[in-house]
Amino acid sequence: MAAIIFDFDGTIADSFDFIVDFLAATAHRPPLTAAERAELRGLSMTGIGRSLGLSWPRLLRSFFAGRRRMSSAIDQLEPFEGMADVLEKVHGEGHELFILTSNSVRNVHKFLHRHNLHEYFLEVYGGIGLFSKAPALRRLLKEQSIERDNAVSIGDEPRDIMAAQSQKIRAIAVTWGFARTSDLQELGPTNLASSPDELLQLLEEL
């Protein structure tokens, strides 16, 4: 049995369109074309904001505002295809599941309940700052009395990988979220999954 720690946005929840639209509006940009959206695909959340012309101070403020705005839009978000099956199966195999996210705990719980996924998770750690994932991960491991050899972190952004590496736990990077595959590969995650099926196969080997 392992402790599996999931990121939320870009890993479980497909929130790309919401976040892109919110950041574009914050940058006072007109509605983005399909081509403009395609150019932003593969960038991290911070990368998207910077590409849209947001300064660092405005970008940081926008993330706090975005959490509040997402509360009213959370019912429109869907899990990535196949992720519900992954969660059901690894939970059924006896693994302990957690979420560690920059999104708010309230938003995550609303999403999980709407999609009948709440029963799979022991705890949601939310409201994590953009640069605070490593300390938050360390706190999670300590509070849940998780041995590092028995933990695996799953995320779609470089900061997810770096946080896991800082705590010396296994890092699985998924390619269907916000970051470019090449950027994830450069950090040398333990594994790289290009689909939920691949992720499930990796988790079944734990």
C-alpha atoms as a PDB file:
ATOM      1  CA  MET A   1       0.000   0.000   0.000  1.00  0.00           C
ATOM      2  CA  ALA A   2       1.326   3.429  -0.982  1.00  0.00           C
ATOM      3  CA  ALA A   3       0.408   7.025  -0.229  1.00  0.00           C
ATOM      4  CA  ILE A   4      -0.435   8.682  -3.556  1.00  0.00           C
ATOM      5  CA  ILE A   5      -0.489  12.485  -3.592  1.00  0.00           C
ATOM      6  CA  PHE A   6      -2.276  14.065  -6.551  1.00  0.00           C
ATOM      7  CA  ASP A   7      -2.174  17.581  -7.878  1.00  0.00           C
ATOM      8  CA  PHE A   8      -5.640  18.849  -8.860  1.00  0.00           C
ATOM      9  CA  ASP A   9      -5.767  21.358 -11.747  1.00  0.00           C
ATOM     10  CA  GLY A  10      -4.282  19.833 -14.878  1.00  0.00           C
ATOM     11  CA  THR A  11      -3.935  16.413 -13.274  1.00  0.00           C
ATOM     12  CA  ILE A  12      -7.421  15.417 -12.122  1.00  0.00           C
ATOM     13  CA  ALA A  13      -9.528  18.385 -13.256  1.00  0.00           C
ATOM     14  CA  ASP A  14      -9.480  19.746 -16.807  1.00  0.00           C
ATOM     15  CA  SER A  15      -9.436  23.438 -15.890  1.00  0.00           C
ATOM     16  CA  PHE A  16      -7.317  24.771 -18.776  1.00  0.00           C
ATOM     17  CA  ASP A  17     -10.092  26.733 -20.504  1.00  0.00           C
ATOM     18  CA  PHE A  18     -11.331  28.308 -17.294  1.00  0.00           C
ATOM     19  CA  ILE A  19      -7.857  29.408 -16.219  1.00  0.00           C
ATOM     20  CA  VAL A  20      -6.898  30.705 -19.676  1.00  0.00           C
ATOM     21  CA  ASP A  21     -10.133  32.701 -19.951  1.00  0.00           C
ATOM     22  CA  PHE A  22      -9.725  34.117 -16.450  1.00  0.00           C
ATOM     23  CA  LEU A  23      -6.103  35.154 -17.001  1.00  0.00           C
ATOM     24  CA  ALA A  24      -6.944  36.671 -20.401  1.00  0.00           C
ATOM     25  CA  ALA A  25      -9.728  38.743 -18.832  1.00  0.00           C
ATOM     26  CA  THR A  26      -7.375  39.803 -16.036  1.00  0.00           C
ATOM     27  CA  ALA A  27      -4.887  40.955 -18.680  1.00  0.00           C
ATOM     28  CA  HIS A  28      -7.728  42.855 -20.428  1.00  0.00           C
ATOM     29  CA  ARG A  29      -7.355  40.756 -23.547  1.00  0.00           C
ATOM     30  CA  PRO A  30     -10.260  40.129 -25.929  1.00  0.00           C
ATOM     31  CA  PRO A  31     -11.602  36.561 -26.114  1.00  0.00           C
ATOM     32  CA  LEU A  32      -8.833  34.297 -27.334  1.00  0.00           C
ATOM     33  CA  THR A  33      -9.010  32.589 -30.705  1.00  0.00           C
ATOM     34  CA  ALA A  34      -8.536  28.848 -31.084  1.00  0.00           C
ATOM     35  CA  ALA A  35      -5.056  29.496 -32.471  1.00  0.00           C
ATOM     36  CA  GLU A  36      -4.115  31.654 -29.482  1.00  0.00           C
ATOM     37  CA  ARG A  37      -5.355  28.964 -27.101  1.00  0.00           C
ATOM     38  CA  ALA A  38      -3.309  26.356 -28.939  1.00  0.00           C
ATOM     39  CA  GLU A  39      -0.172  28.459 -28.474  1.00  0.00           C
ATOM     40  CA  LEU A  40      -0.748  28.507 -24.716  1.00  0.00           C
ATOM     41  CA  ARG A  41      -1.192  24.745 -24.520  1.00  0.00           C
ATOM     42  CA  GLY A  42       1.758  23.181 -22.762  1.00  0.00           C
ATOM     43  CA  LEU A  43       2.641  26.245 -20.687  1.00  0.00           C
ATOM     44  CA  SER A  44       2.440  26.235 -16.913  1.00  0.00           C
ATOM     45  CA  MET A  45      -0.181  28.432 -15.254  1.00  0.00           C
ATOM     46  CA  THR A  46       2.464  31.056 -14.549  1.00  0.00           C
ATOM     47  CA  GLY A  47       3.728  30.715 -18.115  1.00  0.00           C
ATOM     48  CA  ILE A  48       0.240  31.370 -19.461  1.00  0.00           C
ATOM     49  CA  GLY A  49      -0.119  34.481 -17.335  1.00  0.00           C
ATOM     50  CA  ARG A  50       3.245  35.851 -18.394  1.00  0.00           C
ATOM     51  CA  SER A  51       2.517  35.121 -22.069  1.00  0.00           C
ATOM     52  CA  LEU A  52      -0.709  37.097 -21.750  1.00  0.00           C
ATOM     53  CA  GLY A  53       1.253  40.085 -20.449  1.00  0.00           C
ATOM     54  CA  LEU A  54       0.592  39.892 -16.725  1.00  0.00           C
ATOM     55  CA  SER A  55       3.318  41.236 -14.472  1.00  0.00           C
ATOM     56  CA  TRP A  56       4.468  39.082 -11.571  1.00  0.00           C
ATOM     57  CA  PRO A  57       2.562  41.159  -8.948  1.00  0.00           C
ATOM     58  CA  ARG A  58      -0.657  41.039 -11.007  1.00  0.00           C
ATOM     59  CA  LEU A  59      -0.150  37.375 -11.727  1.00  0.00           C
ATOM     60  CA  LEU A  60       0.221  36.520  -8.050  1.00  0.00           C
ATOM     61  CA  ARG A  61      -2.869  38.548  -7.156  1.00  0.00           C
ATOM     62  CA  SER A  62      -4.809  36.890  -9.952  1.00  0.00           C
ATOM     63  CA  PHE A  63      -4.306  33.436  -8.479  1.00  0.00           C
ATOM     64  CA  PHE A  64      -6.045  34.428  -5.260  1.00  0.00           C
ATOM     65  CA  ALA A  65      -8.873  36.045  -7.229  1.00  0.00           C
ATOM     66  CA  GLY A  66      -9.039  33.009  -9.512  1.00  0.00           C
ATOM     67  CA  ARG A  67      -9.720  30.668  -6.610  1.00  0.00           C
ATOM     68  CA  ARG A  68     -12.739  32.777  -5.640  1.00  0.00           C
ATOM     69  CA  ARG A  69     -13.974  33.025  -9.226  1.00  0.00           C
ATOM     70  CA  MET A  70     -13.620  29.289  -9.765  1.00  0.00           C
ATOM     71  CA  SER A  71     -15.998  28.639  -6.894  1.00  0.00           C
ATOM     72  CA  SER A  72     -18.893  29.733  -9.100  1.00  0.00           C
ATOM     73  CA  ALA A  73     -17.581  27.834 -12.129  1.00  0.00           C
ATOM     74  CA  ILE A  74     -16.508  24.581 -10.471  1.00  0.00           C
ATOM     75  CA  ASP A  75     -19.686  22.812 -11.606  1.00  0.00           C
ATOM     76  CA  GLN A  76     -18.602  23.323 -15.211  1.00  0.00           C
ATOM     77  CA  LEU A  77     -15.296  21.498 -14.808  1.00  0.00           C
ATOM     78  CA  GLU A  78     -14.877  17.840 -15.660  1.00  0.00           C
ATOM     79  CA  PRO A  79     -12.232  15.274 -14.721  1.00  0.00           C
ATOM     80  CA  PHE A  80      -9.888  14.245 -17.497  1.00  0.00           C
ATOM     81  CA  GLU A  81     -11.237  11.217 -19.322  1.00  0.00           C
ATOM     82  CA  GLY A  82     -10.052   8.079 -17.574  1.00  0.00           C
ATOM     83  CA  MET A  83      -9.001   9.721 -14.318  1.00  0.00           C
ATOM     84  CA  ALA A  84     -12.120   8.681 -12.412  1.00  0.00           C
ATOM     85  CA  ASP A  85     -11.313   5.053 -13.268  1.00  0.00           C
ATOM     86  CA  VAL A  86      -7.710   5.514 -12.106  1.00  0.00           C
ATOM     87  CA  LEU A  87      -8.852   6.886  -8.751  1.00  0.00           C
ATOM     88  CA  GLU A  88     -11.441   4.158  -8.264  1.00  0.00           C
ATOM     89  CA  LYS A  89      -8.988   1.372  -9.043  1.00  0.00           C
ATOM     90  CA  VAL A  90      -6.021   2.548  -6.970  1.00  0.00           C
ATOM     91  CA  HIS A  91      -8.327   3.294  -4.037  1.00  0.00           C
ATOM     92  CA  GLY A  92      -9.821  -0.173  -4.384  1.00  0.00           C
ATOM     93  CA  GLU A  93      -6.341  -1.657  -4.241  1.00  0.00           C
ATOM     94  CA  GLY A  94      -5.883  -0.150  -0.784  1.00  0.00           C
ATOM     95  CA  HIS A  95      -3.704   2.863  -1.533  1.00  0.00           C
ATOM     96  CA  GLU A  96      -4.172   6.054   0.487  1.00  0.00           C
ATOM     97  CA  LEU A  97      -5.016   9.038  -1.722  1.00  0.00           C
ATOM     98  CA  PHE A  98      -4.444  12.740  -1.036  1.00  0.00           C
ATOM     99  CA  ILE A  99      -4.717  15.991  -2.992  1.00  0.00           C
ATOM    100  CA  LEU A 100      -2.167  18.799  -2.690  1.00  0.00           C
ATOM    101  CA  THR A 101      -3.162  21.874  -4.694  1.00  0.00           C
ATOM    102  CA  SER A 102      -3.018  25.630  -5.113  1.00  0.00           C
ATOM    103  CA  ASN A 103      -6.789  25.583  -5.539  1.00  0.00           C
ATOM    104  CA  SER A 104      -9.007  26.049  -2.516  1.00  0.00           C
ATOM    105  CA  VAL A 105     -10.145  23.147  -0.374  1.00  0.00           C
ATOM    106  CA  ARG A 106     -13.733  24.272  -0.885  1.00  0.00           C
ATOM    107  CA  ASN A 107     -13.448  24.198  -4.672  1.00  0.00           C
ATOM    108  CA  VAL A 108     -11.826  20.785  -4.663  1.00  0.00           C
ATOM    109  CA  HIS A 109     -14.440  19.287  -2.347  1.00  0.00           C
ATOM    110  CA  LYS A 110     -17.265  20.681  -4.513  1.00  0.00           C
ATOM    111  CA  PHE A 111     -15.675  19.107  -7.577  1.00  0.00           C
ATOM    112  CA  LEU A 112     -15.077  15.754  -5.890  1.00  0.00           C
ATOM    113  CA  HIS A 113     -18.622  15.533  -4.556  1.00  0.00           C
ATOM    114  CA  ARG A 114     -20.158  16.507  -7.898  1.00  0.00           C
ATOM    115  CA  HIS A 115     -18.291  13.704  -9.636  1.00  0.00           C
ATOM    116  CA  ASN A 116     -18.648  11.159  -6.816  1.00  0.00           C
ATOM    117  CA  LEU A 117     -14.894  11.051  -6.216  1.00  0.00           C
ATOM    118  CA  HIS A 118     -14.809  12.329  -2.631  1.00  0.00           C
ATOM    119  CA  GLU A 119     -14.808   8.887  -1.036  1.00  0.00           C
ATOM    120  CA  TYR A 120     -11.436   8.055  -2.581  1.00  0.00           C
ATOM    121  CA  PHE A 121      -9.439  10.734  -0.740  1.00  0.00           C
ATOM    122  CA  LEU A 122      -8.363  10.822   2.879  1.00  0.00           C
ATOM    123  CA  GLU A 123      -7.488  14.527   2.899  1.00  0.00           C
ATOM    124  CA  VAL A 124      -7.295  17.589   0.657  1.00  0.00           C
ATOM    125  CA  TYR A 125      -4.493  20.068   1.274  1.00  0.00           C
ATOM    126  CA  GLY A 126      -5.447  23.242  -0.579  1.00  0.00           C
ATOM    127  CA  GLY A 127      -4.611  26.917  -0.866  1.00  0.00           C
ATOM    128  CA  ILE A 128      -0.929  26.186  -1.496  1.00  0.00           C
ATOM    129  CA  GLY A 129       1.058  29.190  -2.750  1.00  0.00           C
ATOM    130  CA  LEU A 130       2.749  29.135  -6.138  1.00  0.00           C
ATOM    131  CA  PHE A 131       6.147  28.705  -4.522  1.00  0.00           C
ATOM    132  CA  SER A 132       5.097  26.772  -1.416  1.00  0.00           C
ATOM    133  CA  LYS A 133       4.456  23.281  -2.690  1.00  0.00           C
ATOM    134  CA  ALA A 134       7.597  21.716  -1.228  1.00  0.00           C
ATOM    135  CA  PRO A 135       6.903  22.914   2.352  1.00  0.00           C
ATOM    136  CA  ALA A 136       3.266  21.883   1.994  1.00  0.00           C
ATOM    137  CA  LEU A 137       4.302  18.430   0.805  1.00  0.00           C
ATOM    138  CA  ARG A 138       6.686  18.098   3.721  1.00  0.00           C
ATOM    139  CA  ARG A 139       3.857  19.044   6.110  1.00  0.00           C
ATOM    140  CA  LEU A 140       1.523  16.491   4.516  1.00  0.00           C
ATOM    141  CA  LEU A 141       4.087  13.710   4.892  1.00  0.00           C
ATOM    142  CA  LYS A 142       4.661  14.629   8.528  1.00  0.00           C
ATOM    143  CA  GLU A 143       1.000  15.054   9.517  1.00  0.00           C
ATOM    144  CA  GLN A 144      -0.027  11.805   7.841  1.00  0.00           C
ATOM    145  CA  SER A 145       3.027   9.899   9.171  1.00  0.00           C
ATOM    146  CA  ILE A 146       3.960   8.820   5.641  1.00  0.00           C
ATOM    147  CA  GLU A 147       7.336   7.238   5.028  1.00  0.00           C
ATOM    148  CA  ARG A 148       9.058   8.784   2.023  1.00  0.00           C
ATOM    149  CA  ASP A 149       9.813   5.373   0.527  1.00  0.00           C
ATOM    150  CA  ASN A 150       6.078   4.710   0.542  1.00  0.00           C
ATOM    151  CA  ALA A 151       4.965   7.960  -1.136  1.00  0.00           C
ATOM    152  CA  VAL A 152       4.455   9.029  -4.736  1.00  0.00           C
ATOM    153  CA  SER A 153       3.532  12.478  -6.050  1.00  0.00           C
ATOM    154  CA  ILE A 154       1.593  12.976  -9.296  1.00  0.00           C
ATOM    155  CA  GLY A 155       1.428  16.327 -11.063  1.00  0.00           C
ATOM    156  CA  ASP A 156       1.479  18.133 -14.381  1.00  0.00           C
ATOM    157  CA  GLU A 157       3.830  21.058 -13.675  1.00  0.00           C
ATOM    158  CA  PRO A 158       7.550  21.429 -12.978  1.00  0.00           C
ATOM    159  CA  ARG A 159       6.848  22.656  -9.447  1.00  0.00           C
ATOM    160  CA  ASP A 160       5.105  19.350  -8.703  1.00  0.00           C
ATOM    161  CA  ILE A 161       8.204  17.420  -9.744  1.00  0.00           C
ATOM    162  CA  MET A 162      10.592  19.735  -7.898  1.00  0.00           C
ATOM    163  CA  ALA A 163       8.536  19.539  -4.707  1.00  0.00           C
ATOM    164  CA  ALA A 164       8.607  15.731  -4.807  1.00  0.00           C
ATOM    165  CA  GLN A 165      12.327  15.679  -5.521  1.00  0.00           C
ATOM    166  CA  SER A 166      13.002  18.067  -2.640  1.00  0.00           C
ATOM    167  CA  GLN A 167      11.303  15.601  -0.298  1.00  0.00           C
ATOM    168  CA  LYS A 168      13.029  12.613  -1.931  1.00  0.00           C
ATOM    169  CA  ILE A 169       9.832  10.870  -2.955  1.00  0.00           C
ATOM    170  CA  ARG A 170       8.853   9.316  -6.275  1.00  0.00           C
ATOM    171  CA  ALA A 171       7.571  11.834  -8.824  1.00  0.00           C
ATOM    172  CA  ILE A 172       5.259  10.898 -11.683  1.00  0.00           C
ATOM    173  CA  ALA A 173       4.722  13.666 -14.236  1.00  0.00           C
ATOM    174  CA  VAL A 174       1.592  13.603 -16.406  1.00  0.00           C
ATOM    175  CA  THR A 175       1.582  15.193 -19.845  1.00  0.00           C
ATOM    176  CA  TRP A 176      -2.114  16.061 -20.271  1.00  0.00           C
ATOM    177  CA  GLY A 177      -2.021  19.145 -18.047  1.00  0.00           C
ATOM    178  CA  PHE A 178      -0.460  22.572 -18.331  1.00  0.00           C
ATOM    179  CA  ALA A 179       3.284  22.094 -18.846  1.00  0.00           C
ATOM    180  CA  ARG A 180       5.220  21.075 -21.938  1.00  0.00           C
ATOM    181  CA  THR A 181       6.358  17.457 -21.986  1.00  0.00           C
ATOM    182  CA  SER A 182       9.910  18.572 -22.742  1.00  0.00           C
ATOM    183  CA  ASP A 183       9.965  20.822 -19.657  1.00  0.00           C
ATOM    184  CA  LEU A 184       8.806  17.931 -17.498  1.00  0.00           C
ATOM    185  CA  GLN A 185      11.363  15.550 -18.983  1.00  0.00           C
ATOM    186  CA  GLU A 186      14.221  17.966 -18.330  1.00  0.00           C
ATOM    187  CA  LEU A 187      13.592  17.725 -14.592  1.00  0.00           C
ATOM    188  CA  GLY A 188      14.015  13.960 -14.604  1.00  0.00           C
ATOM    189  CA  PRO A 189      10.834  12.723 -12.913  1.00  0.00           C
ATOM    190  CA  THR A 190      10.809   9.127 -11.763  1.00  0.00           C
ATOM    191  CA  ASN A 191       8.215   8.337 -14.429  1.00  0.00           C
ATOM    192  CA  LEU A 192       6.311  10.121 -17.176  1.00  0.00           C
ATOM    193  CA  ALA A 193       2.711   9.178 -18.022  1.00  0.00           C
ATOM    194  CA  SER A 194       1.128  10.328 -21.270  1.00  0.00           C
ATOM    195  CA  SER A 195      -2.354   8.979 -20.512  1.00  0.00           C
ATOM    196  CA  PRO A 196      -4.419   7.914 -17.501  1.00  0.00           C
ATOM    197  CA  ASP A 197      -4.019   4.310 -18.672  1.00  0.00           C
ATOM    198  CA  GLU A 198      -0.234   4.666 -18.483  1.00  0.00           C
ATOM    199  CA  LEU A 199      -0.554   6.287 -15.074  1.00  0.00           C
ATOM    200  CA  LEU A 200      -2.685   3.410 -13.826  1.00  0.00           C
ATOM    201  CA  GLN A 201      -0.137   0.901 -15.069  1.00  0.00           C
ATOM    202  CA  LEU A 202       2.625   2.706 -13.173  1.00  0.00           C
ATOM    203  CA  LEU A 203       0.538   2.864  -9.996  1.00  0.00           C
ATOM    204  CA  GLU A 204      -0.363  -0.819 -10.205  1.00  0.00           C
ATOM    205  CA  GLU A 205       3.345  -1.577 -10.048  1.00  0.00           C
ATOM    206  CA  LEU A 206       3.711   0.098  -6.637  1.00  0.00           C
END
